[in-house]
Amino acid sequence: MRTFDSLYRTTVGFDRLFDMHDSGSRTDWPPYNIEKVGENDYRIAMAIAGFSPDEVELTQHGPELVVVGQKADDQSGRQLLHHGLAYRSFRQSFRLADHMKIKAANLENGLLTVDLS
């Protein structure tokens, strides 16, 4: 069920536009958690197995935190019999409160953690 079902019912002709905006602004990959770890402290944990710290960039533009992973092309000549691991590039953005700042970031064992305060 959508949060704005009553809004969708009253906007004739714009429902497809809203649906396109909804589907375009959310991505399911990479998976992430947002955790409250203190009174004013939060942590974003993102599963990005296979990415090195050189391939991940975090930037904060005002209230928007942007995480970009750019996977280098693998030209090692490997022949994969089954390709089940997704090493695709990604861009994920998070809307933060105006006072939130990045306190720390760490990439360990395929898990990127970003501490916010």
N, C-alpha and C. Protein backbone atom coordinates (compact mmCIF):
# COMPACT_ATOMS: atom_id res chain seq x y z
N MET A 1 0.84 -1.18 0.00
CA MET A 1 0.00 0.00 0.00
C MET A 1 0.88 1.24 0.00
N ARG A 2 0.56 2.17 -0.82
CA ARG A 2 1.32 3.42 -0.89
C ARG A 2 0.88 4.38 0.20
N THR A 3 1.79 5.22 0.60
CA THR A 3 1.49 6.21 1.62
C THR A 3 0.54 7.28 1.11
N PHE A 4 0.64 7.62 -0.16
CA PHE A 4 -0.13 8.72 -0.72
C PHE A 4 -1.25 8.21 -1.64
N ASP A 5 -1.91 7.10 -1.27
CA ASP A 5 -2.97 6.57 -2.12
C ASP A 5 -4.07 7.60 -2.38
N SER A 6 -4.47 8.36 -1.37
CA SER A 6 -5.53 9.35 -1.58
C SER A 6 -5.07 10.44 -2.55
N LEU A 7 -3.79 10.80 -2.51
CA LEU A 7 -3.26 11.78 -3.45
C LEU A 7 -3.31 11.22 -4.87
N TYR A 8 -2.94 9.94 -5.04
CA TYR A 8 -2.96 9.34 -6.37
C TYR A 8 -4.37 9.31 -6.94
N ARG A 9 -5.37 9.08 -6.11
CA ARG A 9 -6.75 9.01 -6.60
C ARG A 9 -7.25 10.37 -7.08
N THR A 10 -6.71 11.45 -6.55
CA THR A 10 -7.21 12.78 -6.91
C THR A 10 -6.40 13.44 -8.01
N THR A 11 -5.39 12.78 -8.52
CA THR A 11 -4.54 13.38 -9.55
C THR A 11 -4.71 12.61 -10.85
N VAL A 12 -5.72 12.92 -11.56
CA VAL A 12 -5.99 12.25 -12.82
C VAL A 12 -4.93 12.64 -13.84
N GLY A 13 -4.33 11.64 -14.46
CA GLY A 13 -3.34 11.90 -15.49
C GLY A 13 -1.91 12.04 -14.98
N PHE A 14 -1.74 12.23 -13.70
CA PHE A 14 -0.39 12.37 -13.16
C PHE A 14 0.09 11.11 -12.44
N ASP A 15 -0.76 10.08 -12.33
CA ASP A 15 -0.35 8.90 -11.58
C ASP A 15 0.85 8.21 -12.21
N ARG A 16 0.93 8.16 -13.52
CA ARG A 16 2.08 7.55 -14.18
C ARG A 16 3.34 8.37 -13.91
N LEU A 17 3.23 9.68 -13.91
CA LEU A 17 4.37 10.54 -13.62
C LEU A 17 4.89 10.27 -12.21
N PHE A 18 3.96 10.16 -11.23
CA PHE A 18 4.37 9.87 -9.86
C PHE A 18 5.00 8.49 -9.76
N ASP A 19 4.43 7.50 -10.45
CA ASP A 19 5.00 6.15 -10.43
C ASP A 19 6.41 6.15 -11.00
N MET A 20 6.64 6.88 -12.09
CA MET A 20 7.97 6.94 -12.70
C MET A 20 8.95 7.59 -11.73
N HIS A 21 8.51 8.64 -11.02
CA HIS A 21 9.38 9.29 -10.04
C HIS A 21 9.70 8.34 -8.89
N ASP A 22 8.68 7.61 -8.41
CA ASP A 22 8.90 6.66 -7.31
C ASP A 22 9.90 5.59 -7.69
N SER A 23 9.72 4.97 -8.85
CA SER A 23 10.60 3.88 -9.24
C SER A 23 11.99 4.36 -9.61
N GLY A 24 12.10 5.58 -10.10
CA GLY A 24 13.40 6.09 -10.50
C GLY A 24 14.24 6.57 -9.34
N SER A 25 13.61 6.96 -8.25
CA SER A 25 14.38 7.53 -7.14
C SER A 25 14.85 6.49 -6.15
N ARG A 26 14.31 5.30 -6.19
CA ARG A 26 14.70 4.26 -5.25
C ARG A 26 15.44 3.14 -5.98
N THR A 27 16.52 2.70 -5.39
CA THR A 27 17.22 1.55 -5.93
C THR A 27 17.33 0.49 -4.85
N ASP A 28 17.32 -0.76 -5.26
CA ASP A 28 17.41 -1.86 -4.31
C ASP A 28 18.84 -2.35 -4.14
N TRP A 29 19.76 -1.82 -4.93
CA TRP A 29 21.13 -2.30 -4.86
C TRP A 29 22.09 -1.14 -4.76
N PRO A 30 23.05 -1.19 -3.92
CA PRO A 30 23.32 -2.26 -2.95
C PRO A 30 22.41 -2.15 -1.73
N PRO A 31 22.18 -3.29 -1.06
CA PRO A 31 21.32 -3.25 0.12
C PRO A 31 21.98 -2.48 1.26
N TYR A 32 21.16 -1.84 2.09
CA TYR A 32 21.71 -1.04 3.19
C TYR A 32 20.76 -1.05 4.38
N ASN A 33 21.32 -0.73 5.54
CA ASN A 33 20.56 -0.52 6.78
C ASN A 33 20.84 0.89 7.27
N ILE A 34 19.86 1.48 7.93
CA ILE A 34 20.06 2.74 8.63
C ILE A 34 19.71 2.47 10.09
N GLU A 35 20.67 2.76 10.96
CA GLU A 35 20.54 2.40 12.37
C GLU A 35 20.74 3.64 13.25
N LYS A 36 19.92 3.77 14.26
CA LYS A 36 20.12 4.84 15.25
C LYS A 36 21.01 4.26 16.33
N VAL A 37 22.18 4.88 16.55
CA VAL A 37 23.16 4.34 17.50
C VAL A 37 23.35 5.24 18.72
N GLY A 38 22.66 6.35 18.78
CA GLY A 38 22.75 7.28 19.91
C GLY A 38 21.65 8.31 19.80
N GLU A 39 21.64 9.24 20.73
CA GLU A 39 20.62 10.28 20.75
C GLU A 39 20.55 11.04 19.43
N ASN A 40 21.70 11.45 18.90
CA ASN A 40 21.77 12.18 17.63
C ASN A 40 22.74 11.54 16.65
N ASP A 41 23.02 10.25 16.83
CA ASP A 41 23.99 9.54 16.00
C ASP A 41 23.32 8.42 15.22
N TYR A 42 23.73 8.29 13.96
CA TYR A 42 23.15 7.28 13.08
C TYR A 42 24.27 6.58 12.34
N ARG A 43 23.97 5.39 11.83
CA ARG A 43 24.94 4.64 11.04
C ARG A 43 24.23 4.05 9.82
N ILE A 44 24.85 4.25 8.67
CA ILE A 44 24.39 3.61 7.45
C ILE A 44 25.37 2.48 7.17
N ALA A 45 24.86 1.27 7.01
CA ALA A 45 25.69 0.11 6.67
C ALA A 45 25.25 -0.37 5.29
N MET A 46 26.20 -0.49 4.38
CA MET A 46 25.90 -0.84 3.00
C MET A 46 26.76 -2.04 2.58
N ALA A 47 26.12 -3.08 2.05
CA ALA A 47 26.82 -4.28 1.61
C ALA A 47 27.37 -4.08 0.20
N ILE A 48 28.70 -3.94 0.10
CA ILE A 48 29.33 -3.70 -1.21
C ILE A 48 30.53 -4.64 -1.39
N ALA A 49 30.28 -5.93 -1.22
CA ALA A 49 31.34 -6.93 -1.35
C ALA A 49 32.01 -6.82 -2.72
N GLY A 50 33.33 -6.94 -2.72
CA GLY A 50 34.08 -6.90 -3.97
C GLY A 50 34.61 -5.54 -4.34
N PHE A 51 34.21 -4.49 -3.63
CA PHE A 51 34.70 -3.14 -3.91
C PHE A 51 35.85 -2.82 -2.97
N SER A 52 36.89 -2.20 -3.51
CA SER A 52 38.01 -1.74 -2.69
C SER A 52 37.74 -0.29 -2.29
N PRO A 53 38.44 0.22 -1.27
CA PRO A 53 38.25 1.62 -0.87
C PRO A 53 38.52 2.61 -2.01
N ASP A 54 39.41 2.25 -2.94
CA ASP A 54 39.71 3.12 -4.09
C ASP A 54 38.52 3.27 -5.03
N GLU A 55 37.60 2.31 -5.00
CA GLU A 55 36.49 2.29 -5.94
C GLU A 55 35.20 2.89 -5.36
N VAL A 56 35.28 3.41 -4.13
CA VAL A 56 34.10 3.96 -3.45
C VAL A 56 34.38 5.42 -3.08
N GLU A 57 33.40 6.28 -3.36
CA GLU A 57 33.53 7.70 -3.04
C GLU A 57 32.30 8.16 -2.28
N LEU A 58 32.53 8.85 -1.17
CA LEU A 58 31.45 9.45 -0.38
C LEU A 58 31.59 10.96 -0.46
N THR A 59 30.48 11.62 -0.76
CA THR A 59 30.47 13.08 -0.77
C THR A 59 29.18 13.56 -0.11
N GLN A 60 29.28 14.71 0.52
CA GLN A 60 28.09 15.31 1.11
C GLN A 60 27.91 16.69 0.49
N HIS A 61 26.78 16.88 -0.16
CA HIS A 61 26.42 18.16 -0.77
C HIS A 61 25.23 18.70 0.01
N GLY A 62 25.50 19.55 0.99
CA GLY A 62 24.42 20.06 1.83
C GLY A 62 23.76 18.92 2.58
N PRO A 63 22.45 18.75 2.45
CA PRO A 63 21.77 17.68 3.18
C PRO A 63 21.75 16.34 2.44
N GLU A 64 22.51 16.20 1.37
CA GLU A 64 22.50 14.96 0.60
C GLU A 64 23.84 14.25 0.70
N LEU A 65 23.80 12.99 1.15
CA LEU A 65 24.98 12.13 1.18
C LEU A 65 24.92 11.25 -0.06
N VAL A 66 25.99 11.24 -0.84
CA VAL A 66 26.03 10.45 -2.06
C VAL A 66 27.16 9.43 -1.94
N VAL A 67 26.83 8.17 -2.18
CA VAL A 67 27.82 7.09 -2.17
C VAL A 67 27.88 6.54 -3.59
N VAL A 68 29.07 6.57 -4.18
CA VAL A 68 29.26 6.10 -5.55
C VAL A 68 30.30 5.00 -5.54
N GLY A 69 29.98 3.89 -6.16
CA GLY A 69 30.93 2.80 -6.33
C GLY A 69 31.17 2.60 -7.81
N GLN A 70 32.42 2.74 -8.23
CA GLN A 70 32.78 2.60 -9.64
C GLN A 70 33.72 1.42 -9.75
N LYS A 71 33.22 0.29 -10.21
CA LYS A 71 34.02 -0.93 -10.31
C LYS A 71 34.90 -0.86 -11.54
N ALA A 72 36.18 -1.11 -11.32
CA ALA A 72 37.13 -1.15 -12.44
C ALA A 72 36.82 -2.37 -13.30
N ASP A 73 37.00 -2.23 -14.60
CA ASP A 73 36.77 -3.36 -15.50
C ASP A 73 37.76 -4.47 -15.21
N ASP A 74 37.24 -5.69 -15.11
CA ASP A 74 38.09 -6.85 -14.84
C ASP A 74 38.54 -7.45 -16.16
N GLN A 75 39.78 -7.23 -16.49
CA GLN A 75 40.34 -7.73 -17.76
C GLN A 75 41.31 -8.88 -17.50
N SER A 76 41.07 -9.66 -16.46
CA SER A 76 42.02 -10.71 -16.09
C SER A 76 41.89 -11.95 -16.97
N GLY A 77 40.89 -12.01 -17.82
CA GLY A 77 40.73 -13.15 -18.72
C GLY A 77 40.14 -14.37 -18.05
N ARG A 78 39.50 -14.18 -16.91
CA ARG A 78 38.89 -15.32 -16.22
C ARG A 78 37.69 -15.82 -17.01
N GLN A 79 37.47 -17.12 -16.93
CA GLN A 79 36.28 -17.71 -17.54
C GLN A 79 35.35 -18.14 -16.41
N LEU A 80 34.27 -17.38 -16.23
CA LEU A 80 33.32 -17.68 -15.17
C LEU A 80 32.32 -18.73 -15.63
N LEU A 81 32.16 -19.77 -14.85
CA LEU A 81 31.17 -20.80 -15.16
C LEU A 81 29.80 -20.42 -14.61
N HIS A 82 29.79 -19.63 -13.57
CA HIS A 82 28.55 -19.08 -13.02
C HIS A 82 28.86 -17.68 -12.52
N HIS A 83 28.08 -16.70 -12.96
CA HIS A 83 28.31 -15.31 -12.56
C HIS A 83 27.15 -14.87 -11.68
N GLY A 84 27.29 -15.05 -10.37
CA GLY A 84 26.23 -14.71 -9.44
C GLY A 84 26.52 -13.50 -8.58
N LEU A 85 27.77 -13.03 -8.57
CA LEU A 85 28.13 -11.87 -7.77
C LEU A 85 28.02 -10.61 -8.62
N ALA A 86 27.29 -9.64 -8.10
CA ALA A 86 27.08 -8.40 -8.84
C ALA A 86 28.19 -7.41 -8.50
N TYR A 87 29.03 -7.13 -9.44
CA TYR A 87 30.10 -6.15 -9.26
C TYR A 87 29.80 -4.88 -10.06
N ARG A 88 28.54 -4.58 -10.24
CA ARG A 88 28.18 -3.42 -11.04
C ARG A 88 28.38 -2.13 -10.26
N SER A 89 28.60 -1.08 -10.98
CA SER A 89 28.76 0.23 -10.36
C SER A 89 27.41 0.69 -9.81
N PHE A 90 27.45 1.61 -8.85
CA PHE A 90 26.22 2.07 -8.23
C PHE A 90 26.36 3.52 -7.80
N ARG A 91 25.20 4.13 -7.59
CA ARG A 91 25.11 5.47 -7.00
C ARG A 91 23.90 5.47 -6.09
N GLN A 92 24.12 5.72 -4.82
CA GLN A 92 23.05 5.72 -3.84
C GLN A 92 23.09 7.06 -3.09
N SER A 93 21.96 7.70 -2.94
CA SER A 93 21.94 8.97 -2.22
C SER A 93 20.98 8.88 -1.04
N PHE A 94 21.31 9.63 0.00
CA PHE A 94 20.53 9.67 1.22
C PHE A 94 20.26 11.12 1.58
N ARG A 95 19.03 11.42 1.93
CA ARG A 95 18.65 12.76 2.37
C ARG A 95 18.89 12.84 3.87
N LEU A 96 19.72 13.78 4.30
CA LEU A 96 20.07 13.94 5.71
C LEU A 96 19.42 15.19 6.27
N ALA A 97 19.30 15.23 7.59
CA ALA A 97 18.86 16.46 8.26
C ALA A 97 19.94 17.51 8.04
N ASP A 98 19.55 18.77 8.07
CA ASP A 98 20.48 19.86 7.78
C ASP A 98 21.71 19.87 8.67
N HIS A 99 21.58 19.44 9.91
CA HIS A 99 22.70 19.49 10.85
C HIS A 99 23.59 18.24 10.80
N MET A 100 23.22 17.20 10.05
CA MET A 100 23.98 15.95 10.00
C MET A 100 25.28 16.10 9.22
N LYS A 101 26.33 15.53 9.77
CA LYS A 101 27.65 15.51 9.12
C LYS A 101 28.22 14.10 9.19
N ILE A 102 29.08 13.77 8.24
CA ILE A 102 29.78 12.49 8.27
C ILE A 102 30.83 12.55 9.36
N LYS A 103 30.76 11.61 10.29
CA LYS A 103 31.72 11.54 11.39
C LYS A 103 32.86 10.58 11.06
N ALA A 104 32.53 9.44 10.44
CA ALA A 104 33.54 8.44 10.08
C ALA A 104 32.96 7.53 9.01
N ALA A 105 33.86 6.91 8.25
CA ALA A 105 33.46 5.92 7.25
C ALA A 105 34.51 4.82 7.24
N ASN A 106 34.05 3.58 7.06
CA ASN A 106 34.95 2.45 7.09
C ASN A 106 34.44 1.37 6.14
N LEU A 107 35.35 0.77 5.39
CA LEU A 107 35.01 -0.35 4.50
C LEU A 107 35.81 -1.55 4.97
N GLU A 108 35.10 -2.54 5.51
CA GLU A 108 35.77 -3.72 6.04
C GLU A 108 34.90 -4.95 5.77
N ASN A 109 35.52 -6.00 5.24
CA ASN A 109 34.83 -7.26 4.96
C ASN A 109 33.58 -7.07 4.09
N GLY A 110 33.66 -6.18 3.12
CA GLY A 110 32.55 -5.96 2.20
C GLY A 110 31.41 -5.13 2.74
N LEU A 111 31.58 -4.55 3.92
CA LEU A 111 30.53 -3.73 4.53
C LEU A 111 31.04 -2.32 4.74
N LEU A 112 30.39 -1.37 4.07
CA LEU A 112 30.71 0.04 4.23
C LEU A 112 29.84 0.59 5.35
N THR A 113 30.47 1.18 6.36
CA THR A 113 29.71 1.83 7.43
C THR A 113 30.03 3.31 7.42
N VAL A 114 28.99 4.12 7.51
CA VAL A 114 29.12 5.57 7.54
C VAL A 114 28.44 6.05 8.81
N ASP A 115 29.23 6.64 9.70
CA ASP A 115 28.69 7.17 10.95
C ASP A 115 28.36 8.64 10.77
N LEU A 116 27.16 9.01 11.19
CA LEU A 116 26.67 10.38 11.04
C LEU A 116 26.33 10.95 12.41
N SER A 117 26.56 12.24 12.56
CA SER A 117 26.26 12.89 13.83
C SER A 117 25.72 14.28 13.57
